[in-house]
Amino acid sequence: MTAKVEIYGTSYCRHCLAARELLELRQINYTEFLIDLMPLERVEMLRRCGRKKVPQILINDIPIGGDEDLMALDASGELARLLS
Protein backbone atom coordinates (compact mmCIF):
# COMPACT_ATOMS: atom_id res chain seq x y z
CA MET A 1 0.00 0.00 0.00
CA THR A 2 1.26 3.44 -0.89
CA ALA A 3 1.12 6.11 1.79
CA LYS A 4 -1.25 9.01 1.21
CA VAL A 5 0.55 12.33 1.57
CA GLU A 6 -1.35 15.62 1.51
CA ILE A 7 -0.14 19.17 1.89
CA TYR A 8 -2.19 22.28 2.57
CA GLY A 9 -0.35 25.42 1.58
CA THR A 10 -0.28 28.48 -0.60
CA SER A 11 1.23 29.11 -3.99
CA TYR A 12 3.66 31.74 -2.63
CA CYS A 13 4.78 30.47 0.81
CA ARG A 14 8.51 29.69 1.06
CA HIS A 15 7.86 27.05 3.73
CA CYS A 16 5.33 25.38 1.43
CA LEU A 17 7.90 25.44 -1.36
CA ALA A 18 10.50 23.83 0.94
CA ALA A 19 8.06 21.03 1.83
CA ARG A 20 7.17 20.43 -1.83
CA GLU A 21 10.86 20.38 -2.80
CA LEU A 22 11.66 17.75 -0.17
CA LEU A 23 8.75 15.56 -1.23
CA GLU A 24 9.76 15.86 -4.87
CA LEU A 25 13.43 15.19 -4.07
CA ARG A 26 12.41 11.97 -2.31
CA GLN A 27 10.03 11.16 -5.20
CA ILE A 28 7.05 11.09 -2.87
CA ASN A 29 3.69 11.56 -4.57
CA TYR A 30 1.41 13.99 -2.80
CA THR A 31 -1.88 15.80 -3.17
CA GLU A 32 -1.72 19.54 -2.73
CA PHE A 33 -4.46 21.91 -1.63
CA LEU A 34 -3.60 25.55 -2.32
CA ILE A 35 -5.76 27.47 0.12
CA ASP A 36 -5.03 30.80 -1.56
CA LEU A 37 -6.62 29.47 -4.77
CA MET A 38 -9.23 27.22 -3.11
CA PRO A 39 -10.42 29.18 -0.05
CA LEU A 40 -12.84 26.49 1.15
CA GLU A 41 -9.87 24.19 1.69
CA ARG A 42 -8.73 26.45 4.57
CA VAL A 43 -11.79 25.34 6.56
CA GLU A 44 -10.96 21.71 5.80
CA MET A 45 -7.32 22.26 6.83
CA LEU A 46 -8.43 23.74 10.15
CA ARG A 47 -10.82 20.84 10.71
CA ARG A 48 -8.25 18.17 9.88
CA CYS A 49 -5.09 19.73 11.34
CA GLY A 50 -6.33 22.19 13.95
CA ARG A 51 -3.79 24.80 12.81
CA LYS A 52 -3.92 27.95 10.70
CA LYS A 53 -0.25 28.14 9.71
CA VAL A 54 0.85 26.69 6.37
CA PRO A 55 2.06 24.30 5.29
CA GLN A 56 0.18 21.56 7.04
CA ILE A 57 1.18 18.06 5.99
CA LEU A 58 -0.71 14.83 6.57
CA ILE A 59 0.51 11.29 6.05
CA ASN A 60 -2.26 8.69 5.93
CA ASP A 61 -4.67 11.28 7.35
CA ILE A 62 -2.44 11.96 10.38
CA PRO A 63 -1.24 15.57 10.73
CA ILE A 64 2.54 15.70 11.07
CA GLY A 65 2.93 19.49 11.11
CA GLY A 66 4.79 21.80 8.78
CA ASP A 67 7.95 21.83 6.69
CA GLU A 68 10.34 21.75 9.65
CA ASP A 69 8.52 18.72 11.06
CA LEU A 70 8.72 17.02 7.67
CA MET A 71 12.45 17.72 7.44
CA ALA A 72 13.05 16.39 10.96
CA LEU A 73 11.17 13.19 10.10
CA ASP A 74 13.27 12.85 6.96
CA ALA A 75 16.57 13.43 8.80
CA SER A 76 15.71 10.86 11.47
CA GLY A 77 14.62 8.20 8.96
CA GLU A 78 11.11 8.25 10.42
CA LEU A 79 9.63 9.64 7.18
CA ALA A 80 10.68 6.52 5.26
CA ARG A 81 9.08 4.34 7.94
CA LEU A 82 5.83 6.32 7.85
CA LEU A 83 5.69 6.00 4.08
CA SER A 84 6.33 2.25 3.99
PDB file of N, CA and C in Angstrom:
ATOM      1  N   MET A   1       0.839  -1.190   0.000  1.00  0.00           N
ATOM      2  CA  MET A   1       0.000   0.000   0.000  1.00  0.00           C
ATOM      3  C   MET A   1       0.879   1.247   0.000  1.00  0.00           C
ATOM      4  N   THR A   2       0.528   2.188  -0.826  1.00  0.00           N
ATOM      5  CA  THR A   2       1.260   3.439  -0.894  1.00  0.00           C
ATOM      6  C   THR A   2       0.684   4.425   0.116  1.00  0.00           C
ATOM      7  N   ALA A   3       1.557   5.118   0.807  1.00  0.00           N
ATOM      8  CA  ALA A   3       1.116   6.110   1.789  1.00  0.00           C
ATOM      9  C   ALA A   3       0.433   7.273   1.076  1.00  0.00           C
ATOM     10  N   LYS A   4      -0.554   7.835   1.735  1.00  0.00           N
ATOM     11  CA  LYS A   4      -1.254   9.006   1.209  1.00  0.00           C
ATOM     12  C   LYS A   4      -0.647  10.243   1.876  1.00  0.00           C
ATOM     13  N   VAL A   5      -0.064  11.110   1.066  1.00  0.00           N
ATOM     14  CA  VAL A   5       0.549  12.331   1.569  1.00  0.00           C
ATOM     15  C   VAL A   5      -0.228  13.515   1.007  1.00  0.00           C
ATOM     16  N   GLU A   6      -0.611  14.422   1.908  1.00  0.00           N
ATOM     17  CA  GLU A   6      -1.355  15.616   1.509  1.00  0.00           C
ATOM     18  C   GLU A   6      -0.681  16.834   2.117  1.00  0.00           C
ATOM     19  N   ILE A   7      -0.712  17.934   1.384  1.00  0.00           N
ATOM     20  CA  ILE A   7      -0.143  19.171   1.893  1.00  0.00           C
ATOM     21  C   ILE A   7      -1.112  20.317   1.623  1.00  0.00           C
ATOM     22  N   TYR A   8      -1.410  21.042   2.675  1.00  0.00           N
ATOM     23  CA  TYR A   8      -2.193  22.276   2.569  1.00  0.00           C
ATOM     24  C   TYR A   8      -1.191  23.421   2.599  1.00  0.00           C
ATOM     25  N   GLY A   9      -1.285  24.301   1.628  1.00  0.00           N
ATOM     26  CA  GLY A   9      -0.353  25.421   1.576  1.00  0.00           C
ATOM     27  C   GLY A   9      -0.870  26.529   0.690  1.00  0.00           C
ATOM     28  N   THR A  10       0.040  27.420   0.343  1.00  0.00           N
ATOM     29  CA  THR A  10      -0.281  28.484  -0.596  1.00  0.00           C
ATOM     30  C   THR A  10       0.716  28.430  -1.744  1.00  0.00           C
ATOM     31  N   SER A  11       0.380  29.124  -2.807  1.00  0.00           N
ATOM     32  CA  SER A  11       1.234  29.111  -3.992  1.00  0.00           C
ATOM     33  C   SER A  11       2.492  29.952  -3.812  1.00  0.00           C
ATOM     34  N   TYR A  12       2.549  30.798  -2.782  1.00  0.00           N
ATOM     35  CA  TYR A  12       3.662  31.741  -2.633  1.00  0.00           C
ATOM     36  C   TYR A  12       4.492  31.549  -1.358  1.00  0.00           C
ATOM     37  N   CYS A  13       4.120  30.649  -0.487  1.00  0.00           N
ATOM     38  CA  CYS A  13       4.782  30.475   0.811  1.00  0.00           C
ATOM     39  C   CYS A  13       6.122  29.750   0.656  1.00  0.00           C
ATOM     40  N   ARG A  14       7.191  30.323   1.194  1.00  0.00           N
ATOM     41  CA  ARG A  14       8.513  29.689   1.059  1.00  0.00           C
ATOM     42  C   ARG A  14       8.603  28.385   1.853  1.00  0.00           C
ATOM     43  N   HIS A  15       7.881  28.282   2.958  1.00  0.00           N
ATOM     44  CA  HIS A  15       7.863  27.045   3.733  1.00  0.00           C
ATOM     45  C   HIS A  15       7.115  25.938   2.976  1.00  0.00           C
ATOM     46  N   CYS A  16       6.070  26.334   2.260  1.00  0.00           N
ATOM     47  CA  CYS A  16       5.328  25.379   1.434  1.00  0.00           C
ATOM     48  C   CYS A  16       6.224  24.891   0.294  1.00  0.00           C
ATOM     49  N   LEU A  17       6.971  25.802  -0.294  1.00  0.00           N
ATOM     50  CA  LEU A  17       7.904  25.444  -1.361  1.00  0.00           C
ATOM     51  C   LEU A  17       8.959  24.469  -0.843  1.00  0.00           C
ATOM     52  N   ALA A  18       9.485  24.715   0.351  1.00  0.00           N
ATOM     53  CA  ALA A  18      10.500  23.829   0.936  1.00  0.00           C
ATOM     54  C   ALA A  18       9.930  22.422   1.150  1.00  0.00           C
ATOM     55  N   ALA A  19       8.694  22.342   1.615  1.00  0.00           N
ATOM     56  CA  ALA A  19       8.059  21.031   1.830  1.00  0.00           C
ATOM     57  C   ALA A  19       7.861  20.317   0.495  1.00  0.00           C
ATOM     58  N   ARG A  20       7.370  21.040  -0.510  1.00  0.00           N
ATOM     59  CA  ARG A  20       7.173  20.432  -1.830  1.00  0.00           C
ATOM     60  C   ARG A  20       8.495  19.961  -2.416  1.00  0.00           C
ATOM     61  N   GLU A  21       9.547  20.765  -2.261  1.00  0.00           N
ATOM     62  CA  GLU A  21      10.860  20.383  -2.797  1.00  0.00           C
ATOM     63  C   GLU A  21      11.379  19.099  -2.158  1.00  0.00           C
ATOM     64  N   LEU A  22      11.207  18.971  -0.844  1.00  0.00           N
ATOM     65  CA  LEU A  22      11.665  17.755  -0.171  1.00  0.00           C
ATOM     66  C   LEU A  22      10.879  16.532  -0.654  1.00  0.00           C
ATOM     67  N   LEU A  23       9.569  16.673  -0.754  1.00  0.00           N
ATOM     68  CA  LEU A  23       8.753  15.560  -1.228  1.00  0.00           C
ATOM     69  C   LEU A  23       9.139  15.165  -2.650  1.00  0.00           C
ATOM     70  N   GLU A  24       9.380  16.149  -3.494  1.00  0.00           N
ATOM     71  CA  GLU A  24       9.762  15.858  -4.870  1.00  0.00           C
ATOM     72  C   GLU A  24      11.165  15.259  -4.943  1.00  0.00           C
ATOM     73  N   LEU A  25      12.080  15.745  -4.114  1.00  0.00           N
ATOM     74  CA  LEU A  25      13.434  15.193  -4.069  1.00  0.00           C
ATOM     75  C   LEU A  25      13.408  13.715  -3.693  1.00  0.00           C
ATOM     76  N   ARG A  26      12.537  13.360  -2.765  1.00  0.00           N
ATOM     77  CA  ARG A  26      12.413  11.972  -2.306  1.00  0.00           C
ATOM     78  C   ARG A  26      11.469  11.152  -3.193  1.00  0.00           C
ATOM     79  N   GLN A  27      10.956  11.795  -4.252  1.00  0.00           N
ATOM     80  CA  GLN A  27      10.032  11.163  -5.202  1.00  0.00           C
ATOM     81  C   GLN A  27       8.797  10.609  -4.507  1.00  0.00           C
ATOM     82  N   ILE A  28       8.253  11.439  -3.617  1.00  0.00           N
ATOM     83  CA  ILE A  28       7.049  11.087  -2.871  1.00  0.00           C
ATOM     84  C   ILE A  28       5.862  11.778  -3.534  1.00  0.00           C
ATOM     85  N   ASN A  29       4.904  10.997  -3.971  1.00  0.00           N
ATOM     86  CA  ASN A  29       3.691  11.557  -4.566  1.00  0.00           C
ATOM     87  C   ASN A  29       2.849  12.190  -3.466  1.00  0.00           C
ATOM     88  N   TYR A  30       2.238  13.305  -3.783  1.00  0.00           N
ATOM     89  CA  TYR A  30       1.408  13.991  -2.800  1.00  0.00           C
ATOM     90  C   TYR A  30       0.273  14.722  -3.494  1.00  0.00           C
ATOM     91  N   THR A  31      -0.756  14.989  -2.721  1.00  0.00           N
ATOM     92  CA  THR A  31      -1.879  15.800  -3.169  1.00  0.00           C
ATOM     93  C   THR A  31      -1.752  17.150  -2.484  1.00  0.00           C
ATOM     94  N   GLU A  32      -1.897  18.194  -3.266  1.00  0.00           N
ATOM     95  CA  GLU A  32      -1.716  19.540  -2.729  1.00  0.00           C
ATOM     96  C   GLU A  32      -3.022  20.315  -2.782  1.00  0.00           C
ATOM     97  N   PHE A  33      -3.294  21.036  -1.711  1.00  0.00           N
ATOM     98  CA  PHE A  33      -4.457  21.912  -1.626  1.00  0.00           C
ATOM     99  C   PHE A  33      -3.942  23.329  -1.410  1.00  0.00           C
ATOM    100  N   LEU A  34      -4.082  24.174  -2.415  1.00  0.00           N
ATOM    101  CA  LEU A  34      -3.602  25.552  -2.319  1.00  0.00           C
ATOM    102  C   LEU A  34      -4.735  26.428  -1.790  1.00  0.00           C
ATOM    103  N   ILE A  35      -4.647  26.767  -0.522  1.00  0.00           N
ATOM    104  CA  ILE A  35      -5.757  27.471   0.123  1.00  0.00           C
ATOM    105  C   ILE A  35      -5.902  28.911  -0.353  1.00  0.00           C
ATOM    106  N   ASP A  36      -4.866  29.468  -1.002  1.00  0.00           N
ATOM    107  CA  ASP A  36      -5.033  30.805  -1.563  1.00  0.00           C
ATOM    108  C   ASP A  36      -5.848  30.757  -2.850  1.00  0.00           C
ATOM    109  N   LEU A  37      -5.853  29.636  -3.534  1.00  0.00           N
ATOM    110  CA  LEU A  37      -6.618  29.474  -4.772  1.00  0.00           C
ATOM    111  C   LEU A  37      -7.936  28.744  -4.541  1.00  0.00           C
ATOM    112  N   MET A  38      -8.017  27.977  -3.453  1.00  0.00           N
ATOM    113  CA  MET A  38      -9.225  27.223  -3.110  1.00  0.00           C
ATOM    114  C   MET A  38      -9.580  27.547  -1.655  1.00  0.00           C
ATOM    115  N   PRO A  39     -10.187  28.706  -1.419  1.00  0.00           N
ATOM    116  CA  PRO A  39     -10.416  29.180  -0.046  1.00  0.00           C
ATOM    117  C   PRO A  39     -11.194  28.221   0.857  1.00  0.00           C
ATOM    118  N   LEU A  40     -12.078  27.422   0.314  1.00  0.00           N
ATOM    119  CA  LEU A  40     -12.839  26.490   1.154  1.00  0.00           C
ATOM    120  C   LEU A  40     -11.941  25.419   1.754  1.00  0.00           C
ATOM    121  N   GLU A  41     -10.797  25.182   1.150  1.00  0.00           N
ATOM    122  CA  GLU A  41      -9.866  24.192   1.688  1.00  0.00           C
ATOM    123  C   GLU A  41      -9.258  24.644   3.019  1.00  0.00           C
ATOM    124  N   ARG A  42      -9.243  25.951   3.277  1.00  0.00           N
ATOM    125  CA  ARG A  42      -8.735  26.453   4.567  1.00  0.00           C
ATOM    126  C   ARG A  42      -9.577  25.903   5.714  1.00  0.00           C
ATOM    127  N   VAL A  43     -10.882  25.879   5.536  1.00  0.00           N
ATOM    128  CA  VAL A  43     -11.791  25.341   6.559  1.00  0.00           C
ATOM    129  C   VAL A  43     -11.487  23.868   6.787  1.00  0.00           C
ATOM    130  N   GLU A  44     -11.270  23.138   5.699  1.00  0.00           N
ATOM    131  CA  GLU A  44     -10.962  21.712   5.805  1.00  0.00           C
ATOM    132  C   GLU A  44      -9.612  21.498   6.493  1.00  0.00           C
ATOM    133  N   MET A  45      -8.626  22.341   6.183  1.00  0.00           N
ATOM    134  CA  MET A  45      -7.318  22.256   6.833  1.00  0.00           C
ATOM    135  C   MET A  45      -7.456  22.467   8.339  1.00  0.00           C
ATOM    136  N   LEU A  46      -8.212  23.471   8.727  1.00  0.00           N
ATOM    137  CA  LEU A  46      -8.426  23.742  10.153  1.00  0.00           C
ATOM    138  C   LEU A  46      -9.124  22.566  10.830  1.00  0.00           C
ATOM    139  N   ARG A  47     -10.098  21.982  10.148  1.00  0.00           N
ATOM    140  CA  ARG A  47     -10.823  20.844  10.711  1.00  0.00           C
ATOM    141  C   ARG A  47      -9.895  19.642  10.873  1.00  0.00           C
ATOM    142  N   ARG A  48      -9.085  19.375   9.868  1.00  0.00           N
ATOM    143  CA  ARG A  48      -8.252  18.172   9.884  1.00  0.00           C
ATOM    144  C   ARG A  48      -6.980  18.331  10.706  1.00  0.00           C
ATOM    145  N   CYS A  49      -6.399  19.533  10.704  1.00  0.00           N
ATOM    146  CA  CYS A  49      -5.094  19.726  11.341  1.00  0.00           C
ATOM    147  C   CYS A  49      -5.166  20.542  12.629  1.00  0.00           C
ATOM    148  N   GLY A  50      -6.198  21.361  12.759  1.00  0.00           N
ATOM    149  CA  GLY A  50      -6.335  22.189  13.947  1.00  0.00           C
ATOM    150  C   GLY A  50      -5.369  23.363  13.994  1.00  0.00           C
ATOM    151  N   ARG A  51      -4.762  23.690  12.867  1.00  0.00           N
ATOM    152  CA  ARG A  51      -3.795  24.795  12.814  1.00  0.00           C
ATOM    153  C   ARG A  51      -4.071  25.688  11.613  1.00  0.00           C
ATOM    154  N   LYS A  52      -3.713  26.975  11.765  1.00  0.00           N
ATOM    155  CA  LYS A  52      -3.918  27.955  10.700  1.00  0.00           C
ATOM    156  C   LYS A  52      -2.679  28.157   9.841  1.00  0.00           C
ATOM    157  N   LYS A  53      -1.515  27.879  10.395  1.00  0.00           N
ATOM    158  CA  LYS A  53      -0.247  28.137   9.710  1.00  0.00           C
ATOM    159  C   LYS A  53      -0.024  27.115   8.592  1.00  0.00           C
ATOM    160  N   VAL A  54       0.510  27.586   7.466  1.00  0.00           N
ATOM    161  CA  VAL A  54       0.854  26.686   6.365  1.00  0.00           C
ATOM    162  C   VAL A  54       2.358  26.562   6.255  1.00  0.00           C
ATOM    163  N   PRO A  55       2.830  25.439   5.755  1.00  0.00           N
ATOM    164  CA  PRO A  55       2.063  24.305   5.290  1.00  0.00           C
ATOM    165  C   PRO A  55       1.628  23.407   6.440  1.00  0.00           C
ATOM    166  N   GLN A  56       0.603  22.637   6.163  1.00  0.00           N
ATOM    167  CA  GLN A  56       0.180  21.557   7.044  1.00  0.00           C
ATOM    168  C   GLN A  56       0.239  20.285   6.220  1.00  0.00           C
ATOM    169  N   ILE A  57       0.933  19.289   6.734  1.00  0.00           N
ATOM    170  CA  ILE A  57       1.181  18.063   5.993  1.00  0.00           C
ATOM    171  C   ILE A  57       0.544  16.900   6.744  1.00  0.00           C
ATOM    172  N   LEU A  58      -0.108  16.032   5.998  1.00  0.00           N
ATOM    173  CA  LEU A  58      -0.715  14.828   6.565  1.00  0.00           C
ATOM    174  C   LEU A  58      -0.152  13.614   5.845  1.00  0.00           C
ATOM    175  N   ILE A  59       0.122  12.578   6.612  1.00  0.00           N
ATOM    176  CA  ILE A  59       0.514  11.291   6.054  1.00  0.00           C
ATOM    177  C   ILE A  59      -0.502  10.265   6.546  1.00  0.00           C
ATOM    178  N   ASN A  60      -1.187   9.649   5.597  1.00  0.00           N
ATOM    179  CA  ASN A  60      -2.255   8.692   5.925  1.00  0.00           C
ATOM    180  C   ASN A  60      -3.271   9.303   6.890  1.00  0.00           C
ATOM    181  N   ASP A  61      -3.654  10.531   6.590  1.00  0.00           N
ATOM    182  CA  ASP A  61      -4.672  11.280   7.345  1.00  0.00           C
ATOM    183  C   ASP A  61      -4.230  11.711   8.741  1.00  0.00           C
ATOM    184  N   ILE A  62      -2.956  11.536   9.074  1.00  0.00           N
ATOM    185  CA  ILE A  62      -2.436  11.959  10.378  1.00  0.00           C
ATOM    186  C   ILE A  62      -1.617  13.232  10.189  1.00  0.00           C
ATOM    187  N   PRO A  63      -2.013  14.327  10.862  1.00  0.00           N
ATOM    188  CA  PRO A  63      -1.239  15.566  10.731  1.00  0.00           C
ATOM    189  C   PRO A  63       0.158  15.400  11.326  1.00  0.00           C
ATOM    190  N   ILE A  64       1.170  15.770  10.552  1.00  0.00           N
ATOM    191  CA  ILE A  64       2.541  15.696  11.072  1.00  0.00           C
ATOM    192  C   ILE A  64       3.138  17.071  11.316  1.00  0.00           C
ATOM    193  N   GLY A  65       2.437  18.142  10.900  1.00  0.00           N
ATOM    194  CA  GLY A  65       2.932  19.495  11.113  1.00  0.00           C
ATOM    195  C   GLY A  65       3.338  20.153   9.815  1.00  0.00           C
ATOM    196  N   GLY A  66       4.362  21.004   9.921  1.00  0.00           N
ATOM    197  CA  GLY A  66       4.793  21.795   8.778  1.00  0.00           C
ATOM    198  C   GLY A  66       6.081  21.306   8.156  1.00  0.00           C
ATOM    199  N   ASP A  67       6.738  22.201   7.424  1.00  0.00           N
ATOM    200  CA  ASP A  67       7.947  21.827   6.685  1.00  0.00           C
ATOM    201  C   ASP A  67       9.090  21.423   7.610  1.00  0.00           C
ATOM    202  N   GLU A  68       9.262  22.100   8.727  1.00  0.00           N
ATOM    203  CA  GLU A  68      10.345  21.745   9.653  1.00  0.00           C
ATOM    204  C   GLU A  68      10.111  20.367  10.265  1.00  0.00           C
ATOM    205  N   ASP A  69       8.854  20.049  10.540  1.00  0.00           N
ATOM    206  CA  ASP A  69       8.517  18.718  11.064  1.00  0.00           C
ATOM    207  C   ASP A  69       8.800  17.652  10.010  1.00  0.00           C
ATOM    208  N   LEU A  70       8.456  17.945   8.760  1.00  0.00           N
ATOM    209  CA  LEU A  70       8.722  17.019   7.666  1.00  0.00           C
ATOM    210  C   LEU A  70      10.220  16.781   7.517  1.00  0.00           C
ATOM    211  N   MET A  71      10.999  17.849   7.574  1.00  0.00           N
ATOM    212  CA  MET A  71      12.454  17.719   7.440  1.00  0.00           C
ATOM    213  C   MET A  71      13.067  16.936   8.599  1.00  0.00           C
ATOM    214  N   ALA A  72      12.548  17.137   9.798  1.00  0.00           N
ATOM    215  CA  ALA A  72      13.050  16.392  10.958  1.00  0.00           C
ATOM    216  C   ALA A  72      12.728  14.901  10.815  1.00  0.00           C
ATOM    217  N   LEU A  73      11.530  14.598  10.338  1.00  0.00           N
ATOM    218  CA  LEU A  73      11.174  13.193  10.105  1.00  0.00           C
ATOM    219  C   LEU A  73      12.092  12.573   9.053  1.00  0.00           C
ATOM    220  N   ASP A  74      12.392  13.339   8.015  1.00  0.00           N
ATOM    221  CA  ASP A  74      13.271  12.846   6.963  1.00  0.00           C
ATOM    222  C   ASP A  74      14.672  12.601   7.504  1.00  0.00           C
ATOM    223  N   ALA A  75      15.200  13.543   8.267  1.00  0.00           N
ATOM    224  CA  ALA A  75      16.568  13.432   8.804  1.00  0.00           C
ATOM    225  C   ALA A  75      16.709  12.248   9.762  1.00  0.00           C
ATOM    226  N   SER A  76      15.647  11.949  10.485  1.00  0.00           N
ATOM    227  CA  SER A  76      15.713  10.858  11.470  1.00  0.00           C
ATOM    228  C   SER A  76      15.440   9.485  10.854  1.00  0.00           C
ATOM    229  N   GLY A  77      14.992   9.462   9.590  1.00  0.00           N
ATOM    230  CA  GLY A  77      14.620   8.200   8.962  1.00  0.00           C
ATOM    231  C   GLY A  77      13.182   7.809   9.210  1.00  0.00           C
ATOM    232  N   GLU A  78      12.493   8.561  10.059  1.00  0.00           N
ATOM    233  CA  GLU A  78      11.109   8.252  10.418  1.00  0.00           C
ATOM    234  C   GLU A  78      10.150   8.459   9.227  1.00  0.00           C
ATOM    235  N   LEU A  79      10.489   9.396   8.349  1.00  0.00           N
ATOM    236  CA  LEU A  79       9.630   9.642   7.183  1.00  0.00           C
ATOM    237  C   LEU A  79       9.546   8.390   6.318  1.00  0.00           C
ATOM    238  N   ALA A  80      10.669   7.751   6.059  1.00  0.00           N
ATOM    239  CA  ALA A  80      10.684   6.523   5.262  1.00  0.00           C
ATOM    240  C   ALA A  80       9.830   5.443   5.909  1.00  0.00           C
ATOM    241  N   ARG A  81       9.888   5.344   7.243  1.00  0.00           N
ATOM    242  CA  ARG A  81       9.085   4.344   7.943  1.00  0.00           C
ATOM    243  C   ARG A  81       7.591   4.655   7.816  1.00  0.00           C
ATOM    244  N   LEU A  82       7.231   5.939   7.957  1.00  0.00           N
ATOM    245  CA  LEU A  82       5.829   6.322   7.845  1.00  0.00           C
ATOM    246  C   LEU A  82       5.277   6.058   6.447  1.00  0.00           C
ATOM    247  N   LEU A  83       6.132   6.158   5.452  1.00  0.00           N
ATOM    248  CA  LEU A  83       5.695   5.996   4.077  1.00  0.00           C
ATOM    249  C   LEU A  83       5.652   4.538   3.620  1.00  0.00           C
ATOM    250  N   SER A  84       6.282   3.658   4.410  1.00  0.00           N
ATOM    251  CA  SER A  84       6.329   2.252   3.985  1.00  0.00           C
ATOM    252  C   SER A  84       5.127   1.461   4.475  1.00  0.00           C
TER     253      SER A  84
END
